[in-house]
């Protein structure tokens, strides 16, 4: 009976080891697939950010290149927003000045009409 119990325990352990091996293979496959997807994503980001820099040399795009390009685009975007704010202020100032000139012109026009 002890022998039967040992055989059953050994069989159970062998099954668990096979299952663990199967899971390990699946995990390795998932990790490999994730790595390939990351490389694809990095290349696509670089193609969108800088078409001439990505894919043309045939070299893999590094994470640092992607980070630098995204940072550069972010900085350019921030500068663009600041420029837009500046232009909005300038436009508002010019519109206010135009209204003032228009109002002064109306006063001058009315005064001129009264004089006539």
Protein backbone atom coordinates (compact mmCIF):
# COMPACT_ATOMS: atom_id res chain seq x y z
CA UNK A 1 0.00 0.00 0.00
CA UNK A 2 2.88 2.37 0.79
CA UNK A 3 4.28 1.62 -2.65
CA UNK A 4 0.96 2.52 -4.25
CA UNK A 5 0.81 5.75 -2.29
CA UNK A 6 4.37 6.64 -3.38
CA UNK A 7 3.50 5.89 -7.01
CA UNK A 8 0.40 8.09 -6.76
CA UNK A 9 2.37 10.89 -5.11
CA UNK A 10 5.13 10.58 -7.72
CA UNK A 11 2.55 10.60 -10.52
CA UNK A 12 0.92 13.68 -9.02
CA UNK A 13 4.31 15.44 -8.71
CA UNK A 14 5.18 14.54 -12.31
CA UNK A 15 1.85 15.99 -13.47
CA UNK A 16 2.49 19.17 -11.53
CA UNK A 17 5.96 19.46 -13.04
CA UNK A 18 4.55 19.01 -16.55
CA UNK A 19 1.95 21.70 -15.83
CA UNK A 20 4.62 24.04 -14.50
CA UNK A 21 6.70 23.44 -17.64
CA UNK A 22 3.69 24.16 -19.84
CA UNK A 23 3.01 27.41 -17.95
CA UNK A 24 6.67 28.41 -18.22
CA UNK A 25 6.58 27.91 -22.01
CA UNK A 26 3.41 29.99 -22.23
CA UNK A 27 4.97 32.76 -20.14
CA UNK A 28 8.13 32.75 -22.26
CA UNK A 29 5.98 32.99 -25.37
CA UNK A 30 4.00 35.87 -23.86
CA UNK A 31 7.21 37.70 -22.89
CA UNK A 32 8.63 37.25 -26.38
CA UNK A 33 5.39 38.48 -27.97
CA UNK A 34 5.32 41.50 -25.62
CA UNK A 35 8.90 42.33 -26.58
CA UNK A 36 8.03 42.17 -30.26
CA UNK A 37 5.00 44.39 -29.69
CA UNK A 38 7.16 46.90 -27.81
CA UNK A 39 9.66 47.05 -30.67
CA UNK A 40 6.83 47.51 -33.14
CA UNK A 41 5.31 50.26 -31.00
CA UNK A 42 8.64 52.07 -30.64
CA UNK A 43 9.18 51.93 -34.39
CA UNK A 44 5.67 53.24 -35.08
CA UNK A 45 6.16 56.09 -32.59
CA UNK A 46 9.40 57.05 -34.29
CA UNK A 47 7.80 56.82 -37.74
CA UNK A 48 5.04 59.17 -36.64
CA UNK A 49 7.41 61.51 -34.82
CA UNK A 50 10.21 61.48 -37.33
CA UNK A 51 9.62 59.39 -40.47
CA UNK A 52 13.17 59.90 -41.73
CA UNK A 53 14.70 58.59 -38.49
CA UNK A 54 12.77 55.36 -38.19
CA UNK A 55 13.05 52.35 -40.38
CA UNK A 56 15.32 53.93 -42.94
CA UNK A 57 18.54 52.69 -41.36
CA UNK A 58 17.21 49.22 -40.60
CA UNK A 59 18.38 49.55 -36.99
CA UNK A 60 16.12 48.90 -34.04
CA UNK A 61 14.78 52.04 -32.43
CA UNK A 62 15.99 52.45 -28.86
CA UNK A 63 13.77 53.39 -25.97
CA UNK A 64 15.98 56.43 -25.40
CA UNK A 65 15.36 57.64 -28.96
CA UNK A 66 11.61 57.31 -28.47
CA UNK A 67 11.77 59.10 -25.10
CA UNK A 68 13.87 61.92 -26.55
CA UNK A 69 11.56 62.34 -29.53
CA UNK A 70 8.43 62.36 -27.36
CA UNK A 71 10.10 64.88 -25.02
CA UNK A 72 11.05 67.05 -28.00
CA UNK A 73 7.47 66.98 -29.30
CA UNK A 74 6.16 67.77 -25.83
CA UNK A 75 8.52 70.76 -25.56
CA UNK A 76 7.50 71.98 -29.01
CA UNK A 77 3.86 71.61 -28.04
CA UNK A 78 4.42 73.64 -24.86
CA UNK A 79 6.21 76.36 -26.84
CA UNK A 80 3.35 76.38 -29.31
CA UNK A 81 0.81 76.84 -26.51
CA UNK A 82 2.84 79.68 -25.04
CA UNK A 83 3.10 81.33 -28.46
CA UNK A 84 -0.66 80.91 -28.92
CA UNK A 85 -1.32 82.59 -25.56
CA UNK A 86 1.00 85.43 -26.50
CA UNK A 87 -0.75 85.89 -29.84
CA UNK A 88 -4.15 85.80 -28.12
CA UNK A 89 -3.02 88.58 -25.76
CA UNK A 90 -1.69 90.60 -28.66
CA UNK A 91 -4.94 90.11 -30.59
CA UNK A 92 -7.03 91.12 -27.58
CA UNK A 93 -4.89 94.21 -27.12
CA UNK A 94 -5.23 95.18 -30.77
CA UNK A 95 -9.00 94.62 -30.69
CA UNK A 96 -9.29 96.81 -27.59
CA UNK A 97 -7.21 99.49 -29.27
CA UNK A 98 -9.34 99.22 -32.41
CA UNK A 99 -12.51 99.64 -30.34
CA UNK A 100 -10.99 102.68 -28.65
CA UNK A 101 -10.01 104.22 -31.99
CA UNK A 102 -13.45 103.45 -33.38
CA UNK A 103 -15.14 105.06 -30.38
CA UNK A 104 -12.87 108.13 -30.68
CA UNK A 105 -13.68 108.31 -34.37
CA UNK A 106 -17.41 108.28 -33.59
CA UNK A 107 -16.94 111.08 -31.03
CA UNK A 108 -14.90 113.07 -33.56
CA UNK A 109 -17.51 112.41 -36.28
CA UNK A 110 -20.35 113.52 -33.99
CA UNK A 111 -18.43 116.63 -32.96
CA UNK A 112 -17.71 117.46 -36.59
CA UNK A 113 -21.40 117.06 -37.48
CA UNK A 114 -22.40 119.39 -34.60
CA UNK A 115 -19.92 121.97 -35.80
CA UNK A 116 -21.37 121.91 -39.29
